[in-house]
Amino acid sequence: MDLVMKLALPIIMQIVEQLLSPENIRKYGDSLFDFIEDAVTSSKTTIDDTTVLPVIEALRNGLAIPDND
């Protein structure tokens, strides 16, 4: 089992590095943030508008993920 793990780990790490590339983080991060923003703005409550939307904006700024609607 140890041999299998030693052989598989480098392959798994290469796949993870490709999935977490800066381009993918921006692309999928924008989609995720857009989904959350749409859910928040379409809800009837206003508390989430004042709490969640500023957090999303801060995350977009901190992670350099523009809002590409």
PDB file of N, CA and C in Angstrom:
ATOM      1  N   MET A   1       0.822  -1.201   0.000  1.00  0.00           N
ATOM      2  CA  MET A   1       0.000   0.000   0.000  1.00  0.00           C
ATOM      3  C   MET A   1       0.861   1.259   0.000  1.00  0.00           C
ATOM      4  N   ASP A   2       1.954   1.244   0.741  1.00  0.00           N
ATOM      5  CA  ASP A   2       2.838   2.402   0.783  1.00  0.00           C
ATOM      6  C   ASP A   2       3.406   2.717  -0.589  1.00  0.00           C
ATOM      7  N   LEU A   3       3.734   1.680  -1.344  1.00  0.00           N
ATOM      8  CA  LEU A   3       4.285   1.887  -2.679  1.00  0.00           C
ATOM      9  C   LEU A   3       3.253   2.557  -3.589  1.00  0.00           C
ATOM     10  N   VAL A   4       2.013   2.124  -3.481  1.00  0.00           N
ATOM     11  CA  VAL A   4       0.949   2.706  -4.305  1.00  0.00           C
ATOM     12  C   VAL A   4       0.781   4.181  -3.960  1.00  0.00           C
ATOM     13  N   MET A   5       0.797   4.505  -2.680  1.00  0.00           N
ATOM     14  CA  MET A   5       0.658   5.900  -2.258  1.00  0.00           C
ATOM     15  C   MET A   5       1.837   6.740  -2.739  1.00  0.00           C
ATOM     16  N   LYS A   6       3.027   6.201  -2.667  1.00  0.00           N
ATOM     17  CA  LYS A   6       4.209   6.940  -3.116  1.00  0.00           C
ATOM     18  C   LYS A   6       4.168   7.195  -4.613  1.00  0.00           C
ATOM     19  N   LEU A   7       3.588   6.282  -5.361  1.00  0.00           N
ATOM     20  CA  LEU A   7       3.471   6.468  -6.803  1.00  0.00           C
ATOM     21  C   LEU A   7       2.306   7.382  -7.168  1.00  0.00           C
ATOM     22  N   ALA A   8       1.225   7.285  -6.413  1.00  0.00           N
ATOM     23  CA  ALA A   8       0.024   8.047  -6.740  1.00  0.00           C
ATOM     24  C   ALA A   8       0.103   9.501  -6.284  1.00  0.00           C
ATOM     25  N   LEU A   9       0.788   9.766  -5.203  1.00  0.00           N
ATOM     26  CA  LEU A   9       0.812  11.114  -4.645  1.00  0.00           C
ATOM     27  C   LEU A   9       1.319  12.174  -5.620  1.00  0.00           C
ATOM     28  N   PRO A  10       2.435  11.962  -6.325  1.00  0.00           N
ATOM     29  CA  PRO A  10       2.856  12.999  -7.289  1.00  0.00           C
ATOM     30  C   PRO A  10       1.831  13.250  -8.394  1.00  0.00           C
ATOM     31  N   ILE A  11       1.162  12.218  -8.834  1.00  0.00           N
ATOM     32  CA  ILE A  11       0.148  12.375  -9.885  1.00  0.00           C
ATOM     33  C   ILE A  11      -1.038  13.175  -9.342  1.00  0.00           C
ATOM     34  N   ILE A  12      -1.463  12.847  -8.145  1.00  0.00           N
ATOM     35  CA  ILE A  12      -2.574  13.562  -7.521  1.00  0.00           C
ATOM     36  C   ILE A  12      -2.221  15.031  -7.325  1.00  0.00           C
ATOM     37  N   MET A  13      -1.007  15.304  -6.893  1.00  0.00           N
ATOM     38  CA  MET A  13      -0.581  16.690  -6.672  1.00  0.00           C
ATOM     39  C   MET A  13      -0.553  17.477  -7.977  1.00  0.00           C
ATOM     40  N   GLN A  14      -0.150  16.872  -9.066  1.00  0.00           N
ATOM     41  CA  GLN A  14      -0.156  17.558 -10.366  1.00  0.00           C
ATOM     42  C   GLN A  14      -1.580  17.924 -10.768  1.00  0.00           C
ATOM     43  N   ILE A  15      -2.507  17.011 -10.534  1.00  0.00           N
ATOM     44  CA  ILE A  15      -3.905  17.280 -10.873  1.00  0.00           C
ATOM     45  C   ILE A  15      -4.451  18.416 -10.017  1.00  0.00           C
ATOM     46  N   VAL A  16      -4.159  18.398  -8.730  1.00  0.00           N
ATOM     47  CA  VAL A  16      -4.629  19.455  -7.823  1.00  0.00           C
ATOM     48  C   VAL A  16      -4.039  20.803  -8.231  1.00  0.00           C
ATOM     49  N   GLU A  17      -2.758  20.831  -8.587  1.00  0.00           N
ATOM     50  CA  GLU A  17      -2.126  22.088  -9.015  1.00  0.00           C
ATOM     51  C   GLU A  17      -2.803  22.648 -10.258  1.00  0.00           C
ATOM     52  N   GLN A  18      -3.192  21.773 -11.190  1.00  0.00           N
ATOM     53  CA  GLN A  18      -3.876  22.243 -12.392  1.00  0.00           C
ATOM     54  C   GLN A  18      -5.277  22.758 -12.069  1.00  0.00           C
ATOM     55  N   LEU A  19      -5.972  22.073 -11.171  1.00  0.00           N
ATOM     56  CA  LEU A  19      -7.315  22.510 -10.795  1.00  0.00           C
ATOM     57  C   LEU A  19      -7.292  23.830 -10.052  1.00  0.00           C
ATOM     58  N   LEU A  20      -6.257  24.049  -9.264  1.00  0.00           N
ATOM     59  CA  LEU A  20      -6.164  25.270  -8.463  1.00  0.00           C
ATOM     60  C   LEU A  20      -5.275  26.324  -9.111  1.00  0.00           C
ATOM     61  N   SER A  21      -5.199  26.302 -10.423  1.00  0.00           N
ATOM     62  CA  SER A  21      -4.422  27.326 -11.111  1.00  0.00           C
ATOM     63  C   SER A  21      -5.095  28.682 -10.928  1.00  0.00           C
ATOM     64  N   PRO A  22      -4.342  29.754 -10.989  1.00  0.00           N
ATOM     65  CA  PRO A  22      -4.942  31.090 -10.834  1.00  0.00           C
ATOM     66  C   PRO A  22      -6.081  31.353 -11.818  1.00  0.00           C
ATOM     67  N   GLU A  23      -5.951  30.846 -13.038  1.00  0.00           N
ATOM     68  CA  GLU A  23      -7.007  31.048 -14.032  1.00  0.00           C
ATOM     69  C   GLU A  23      -8.296  30.351 -13.603  1.00  0.00           C
ATOM     70  N   ASN A  24      -8.172  29.110 -13.120  1.00  0.00           N
ATOM     71  CA  ASN A  24      -9.357  28.372 -12.690  1.00  0.00           C
ATOM     72  C   ASN A  24      -9.975  28.986 -11.445  1.00  0.00           C
ATOM     73  N   ILE A  25      -9.143  29.451 -10.533  1.00  0.00           N
ATOM     74  CA  ILE A  25      -9.669  30.085  -9.330  1.00  0.00           C
ATOM     75  C   ILE A  25     -10.470  31.323  -9.699  1.00  0.00           C
ATOM     76  N   ARG A  26      -9.958  32.133 -10.644  1.00  0.00           N
ATOM     77  CA  ARG A  26     -10.698  33.325 -11.067  1.00  0.00           C
ATOM     78  C   ARG A  26     -11.991  32.947 -11.788  1.00  0.00           C
ATOM     79  N   LYS A  27     -11.902  31.974 -12.689  1.00  0.00           N
ATOM     80  CA  LYS A  27     -13.070  31.583 -13.478  1.00  0.00           C
ATOM     81  C   LYS A  27     -14.176  31.008 -12.607  1.00  0.00           C
ATOM     82  N   TYR A  28     -13.838  30.021 -11.813  1.00  0.00           N
ATOM     83  CA  TYR A  28     -14.854  29.361 -11.000  1.00  0.00           C
ATOM     84  C   TYR A  28     -15.221  30.190  -9.774  1.00  0.00           C
ATOM     85  N   GLY A  29     -14.284  30.982  -9.289  1.00  0.00           N
ATOM     86  CA  GLY A  29     -14.587  31.883  -8.182  1.00  0.00           C
ATOM     87  C   GLY A  29     -15.618  32.914  -8.596  1.00  0.00           C
ATOM     88  N   ASP A  30     -15.472  33.463  -9.805  1.00  0.00           N
ATOM     89  CA  ASP A  30     -16.446  34.432 -10.304  1.00  0.00           C
ATOM     90  C   ASP A  30     -17.822  33.790 -10.426  1.00  0.00           C
ATOM     91  N   SER A  31     -17.877  32.579 -10.941  1.00  0.00           N
ATOM     92  CA  SER A  31     -19.163  31.881 -11.073  1.00  0.00           C
ATOM     93  C   SER A  31     -19.791  31.617  -9.711  1.00  0.00           C
ATOM     94  N   LEU A  32     -18.982  31.192  -8.763  1.00  0.00           N
ATOM     95  CA  LEU A  32     -19.487  30.930  -7.419  1.00  0.00           C
ATOM     96  C   LEU A  32     -19.980  32.214  -6.768  1.00  0.00           C
ATOM     97  N   PHE A  33     -19.191  33.284  -6.853  1.00  0.00           N
ATOM     98  CA  PHE A  33     -19.601  34.552  -6.258  1.00  0.00           C
ATOM     99  C   PHE A  33     -20.855  35.092  -6.936  1.00  0.00           C
ATOM    100  N   ASP A  34     -20.953  34.967  -8.258  1.00  0.00           N
ATOM    101  CA  ASP A  34     -22.159  35.409  -8.967  1.00  0.00           C
ATOM    102  C   ASP A  34     -23.384  34.645  -8.476  1.00  0.00           C
ATOM    103  N   PHE A  35     -23.238  33.335  -8.295  1.00  0.00           N
ATOM    104  CA  PHE A  35     -24.349  32.510  -7.809  1.00  0.00           C
ATOM    105  C   PHE A  35     -24.800  32.983  -6.428  1.00  0.00           C
ATOM    106  N   ILE A  36     -23.845  33.216  -5.545  1.00  0.00           N
ATOM    107  CA  ILE A  36     -24.176  33.666  -4.190  1.00  0.00           C
ATOM    108  C   ILE A  36     -24.819  35.048  -4.225  1.00  0.00           C
ATOM    109  N   GLU A  37     -24.251  35.961  -5.022  1.00  0.00           N
ATOM    110  CA  GLU A  37     -24.803  37.310  -5.124  1.00  0.00           C
ATOM    111  C   GLU A  37     -26.235  37.280  -5.644  1.00  0.00           C
ATOM    112  N   ASP A  38     -26.504  36.452  -6.648  1.00  0.00           N
ATOM    113  CA  ASP A  38     -27.862  36.349  -7.188  1.00  0.00           C
ATOM    114  C   ASP A  38     -28.836  35.808  -6.143  1.00  0.00           C
ATOM    115  N   ALA A  39     -28.395  34.803  -5.395  1.00  0.00           N
ATOM    116  CA  ALA A  39     -29.256  34.243  -4.357  1.00  0.00           C
ATOM    117  C   ALA A  39     -29.543  35.268  -3.271  1.00  0.00           C
ATOM    118  N   VAL A  40     -28.542  36.033  -2.898  1.00  0.00           N
ATOM    119  CA  VAL A  40     -28.711  37.032  -1.839  1.00  0.00           C
ATOM    120  C   VAL A  40     -29.613  38.166  -2.303  1.00  0.00           C
ATOM    121  N   THR A  41     -29.369  38.680  -3.494  1.00  0.00           N
ATOM    122  CA  THR A  41     -30.161  39.817  -3.969  1.00  0.00           C
ATOM    123  C   THR A  41     -31.598  39.431  -4.303  1.00  0.00           C
ATOM    124  N   SER A  42     -31.841  38.174  -4.619  1.00  0.00           N
ATOM    125  CA  SER A  42     -33.207  37.771  -4.956  1.00  0.00           C
ATOM    126  C   SER A  42     -34.021  37.381  -3.728  1.00  0.00           C
ATOM    127  N   SER A  43     -33.373  37.283  -2.586  1.00  0.00           N
ATOM    128  CA  SER A  43     -34.124  36.937  -1.372  1.00  0.00           C
ATOM    129  C   SER A  43     -34.880  38.162  -0.858  1.00  0.00           C
ATOM    130  N   LYS A  44     -35.908  37.918  -0.063  1.00  0.00           N
ATOM    131  CA  LYS A  44     -36.725  39.007   0.457  1.00  0.00           C
ATOM    132  C   LYS A  44     -36.090  39.713   1.644  1.00  0.00           C
ATOM    133  N   THR A  45     -35.153  39.060   2.292  1.00  0.00           N
ATOM    134  CA  THR A  45     -34.517  39.663   3.468  1.00  0.00           C
ATOM    135  C   THR A  45     -33.455  40.664   3.043  1.00  0.00           C
ATOM    136  N   THR A  46     -33.203  41.621   3.907  1.00  0.00           N
ATOM    137  CA  THR A  46     -32.175  42.626   3.595  1.00  0.00           C
ATOM    138  C   THR A  46     -30.929  42.456   4.458  1.00  0.00           C
ATOM    139  N   ILE A  47     -31.040  41.637   5.495  1.00  0.00           N
ATOM    140  CA  ILE A  47     -29.879  41.429   6.363  1.00  0.00           C
ATOM    141  C   ILE A  47     -28.734  40.791   5.586  1.00  0.00           C
ATOM    142  N   ASP A  48     -29.070  39.818   4.748  1.00  0.00           N
ATOM    143  CA  ASP A  48     -28.009  39.173   3.981  1.00  0.00           C
ATOM    144  C   ASP A  48     -27.384  40.128   2.963  1.00  0.00           C
ATOM    145  N   ASP A  49     -28.174  41.086   2.480  1.00  0.00           N
ATOM    146  CA  ASP A  49     -27.617  42.081   1.553  1.00  0.00           C
ATOM    147  C   ASP A  49     -26.514  42.896   2.228  1.00  0.00           C
ATOM    148  N   THR A  50     -26.741  43.239   3.489  1.00  0.00           N
ATOM    149  CA  THR A  50     -25.776  44.090   4.188  1.00  0.00           C
ATOM    150  C   THR A  50     -24.628  43.307   4.807  1.00  0.00           C
ATOM    151  N   THR A  51     -24.784  41.994   4.917  1.00  0.00           N
ATOM    152  CA  THR A  51     -23.703  41.206   5.517  1.00  0.00           C
ATOM    153  C   THR A  51     -22.926  40.391   4.487  1.00  0.00           C
ATOM    154  N   VAL A  52     -23.616  39.723   3.595  1.00  0.00           N
ATOM    155  CA  VAL A  52     -22.951  38.808   2.661  1.00  0.00           C
ATOM    156  C   VAL A  52     -22.311  39.551   1.489  1.00  0.00           C
ATOM    157  N   LEU A  53     -23.023  40.501   0.923  1.00  0.00           N
ATOM    158  CA  LEU A  53     -22.487  41.183  -0.266  1.00  0.00           C
ATOM    159  C   LEU A  53     -21.164  41.906  -0.002  1.00  0.00           C
ATOM    160  N   PRO A  54     -20.994  42.599   1.117  1.00  0.00           N
ATOM    161  CA  PRO A  54     -19.679  43.202   1.382  1.00  0.00           C
ATOM    162  C   PRO A  54     -18.565  42.160   1.551  1.00  0.00           C
ATOM    163  N   VAL A  55     -18.910  41.005   2.110  1.00  0.00           N
ATOM    164  CA  VAL A  55     -17.912  39.937   2.251  1.00  0.00           C
ATOM    165  C   VAL A  55     -17.496  39.422   0.874  1.00  0.00           C
ATOM    166  N   ILE A  56     -18.473  39.237  -0.008  1.00  0.00           N
ATOM    167  CA  ILE A  56     -18.170  38.794  -1.374  1.00  0.00           C
ATOM    168  C   ILE A  56     -17.290  39.822  -2.069  1.00  0.00           C
ATOM    169  N   GLU A  57     -17.613  41.088  -1.914  1.00  0.00           N
ATOM    170  CA  GLU A  57     -16.805  42.149  -2.531  1.00  0.00           C
ATOM    171  C   GLU A  57     -15.376  42.129  -1.992  1.00  0.00           C
ATOM    172  N   ALA A  58     -15.230  41.947  -0.693  1.00  0.00           N
ATOM    173  CA  ALA A  58     -13.894  41.893  -0.102  1.00  0.00           C
ATOM    174  C   ALA A  58     -13.120  40.677  -0.608  1.00  0.00           C
ATOM    175  N   LEU A  59     -13.802  39.548  -0.733  1.00  0.00           N
ATOM    176  CA  LEU A  59     -13.137  38.360  -1.263  1.00  0.00           C
ATOM    177  C   LEU A  59     -12.731  38.550  -2.717  1.00  0.00           C
ATOM    178  N   ARG A  60     -13.610  39.170  -3.504  1.00  0.00           N
ATOM    179  CA  ARG A  60     -13.261  39.444  -4.904  1.00  0.00           C
ATOM    180  C   ARG A  60     -12.013  40.325  -4.975  1.00  0.00           C
ATOM    181  N   ASN A  61     -11.976  41.365  -4.151  1.00  0.00           N
ATOM    182  CA  ASN A  61     -10.817  42.265  -4.158  1.00  0.00           C
ATOM    183  C   ASN A  61      -9.562  41.552  -3.674  1.00  0.00           C
ATOM    184  N   GLY A  62      -9.688  40.795  -2.603  1.00  0.00           N
ATOM    185  CA  GLY A  62      -8.527  40.119  -2.030  1.00  0.00           C
ATOM    186  C   GLY A  62      -7.970  39.025  -2.917  1.00  0.00           C
ATOM    187  N   LEU A  63      -8.848  38.338  -3.642  1.00  0.00           N
ATOM    188  CA  LEU A  63      -8.406  37.254  -4.513  1.00  0.00           C
ATOM    189  C   LEU A  63      -8.233  37.696  -5.970  1.00  0.00           C
ATOM    190  N   ALA A  64      -8.449  38.977  -6.232  1.00  0.00           N
ATOM    191  CA  ALA A  64      -8.325  39.542  -7.584  1.00  0.00           C
ATOM    192  C   ALA A  64      -9.240  38.802  -8.569  1.00  0.00           C
ATOM    193  N   ILE A  65     -10.508  38.647  -8.151  1.00  0.00           N
ATOM    194  CA  ILE A  65     -11.503  38.005  -9.012  1.00  0.00           C
ATOM    195  C   ILE A  65     -12.505  39.061  -9.432  1.00  0.00           C
ATOM    196  N   PRO A  66     -12.397  39.578 -10.658  1.00  0.00           N
ATOM    197  CA  PRO A  66     -13.319  40.626 -11.111  1.00  0.00           C
ATOM    198  C   PRO A  66     -14.733  40.080 -11.301  1.00  0.00           C
ATOM    199  N   ASP A  67     -15.705  40.975 -11.239  1.00  0.00           N
ATOM    200  CA  ASP A  67     -17.103  40.600 -11.460  1.00  0.00           C
ATOM    201  C   ASP A  67     -17.389  40.681 -12.945  1.00  0.00           C
ATOM    202  N   ASN A  68     -17.252  39.558 -13.637  1.00  0.00           N
ATOM    203  CA  ASN A  68     -17.445  39.510 -15.091  1.00  0.00           C
ATOM    204  C   ASN A  68     -18.836  39.013 -15.434  1.00  0.00           C
ATOM    205  N   ASP A  69     -19.836  39.818 -15.124  1.00  0.00           N
ATOM    206  CA  ASP A  69     -21.213  39.398 -15.403  1.00  0.00           C
ATOM    207  C   ASP A  69     -21.462  39.319 -16.873  1.00  0.00           C
TER     208      ASP A  69
END
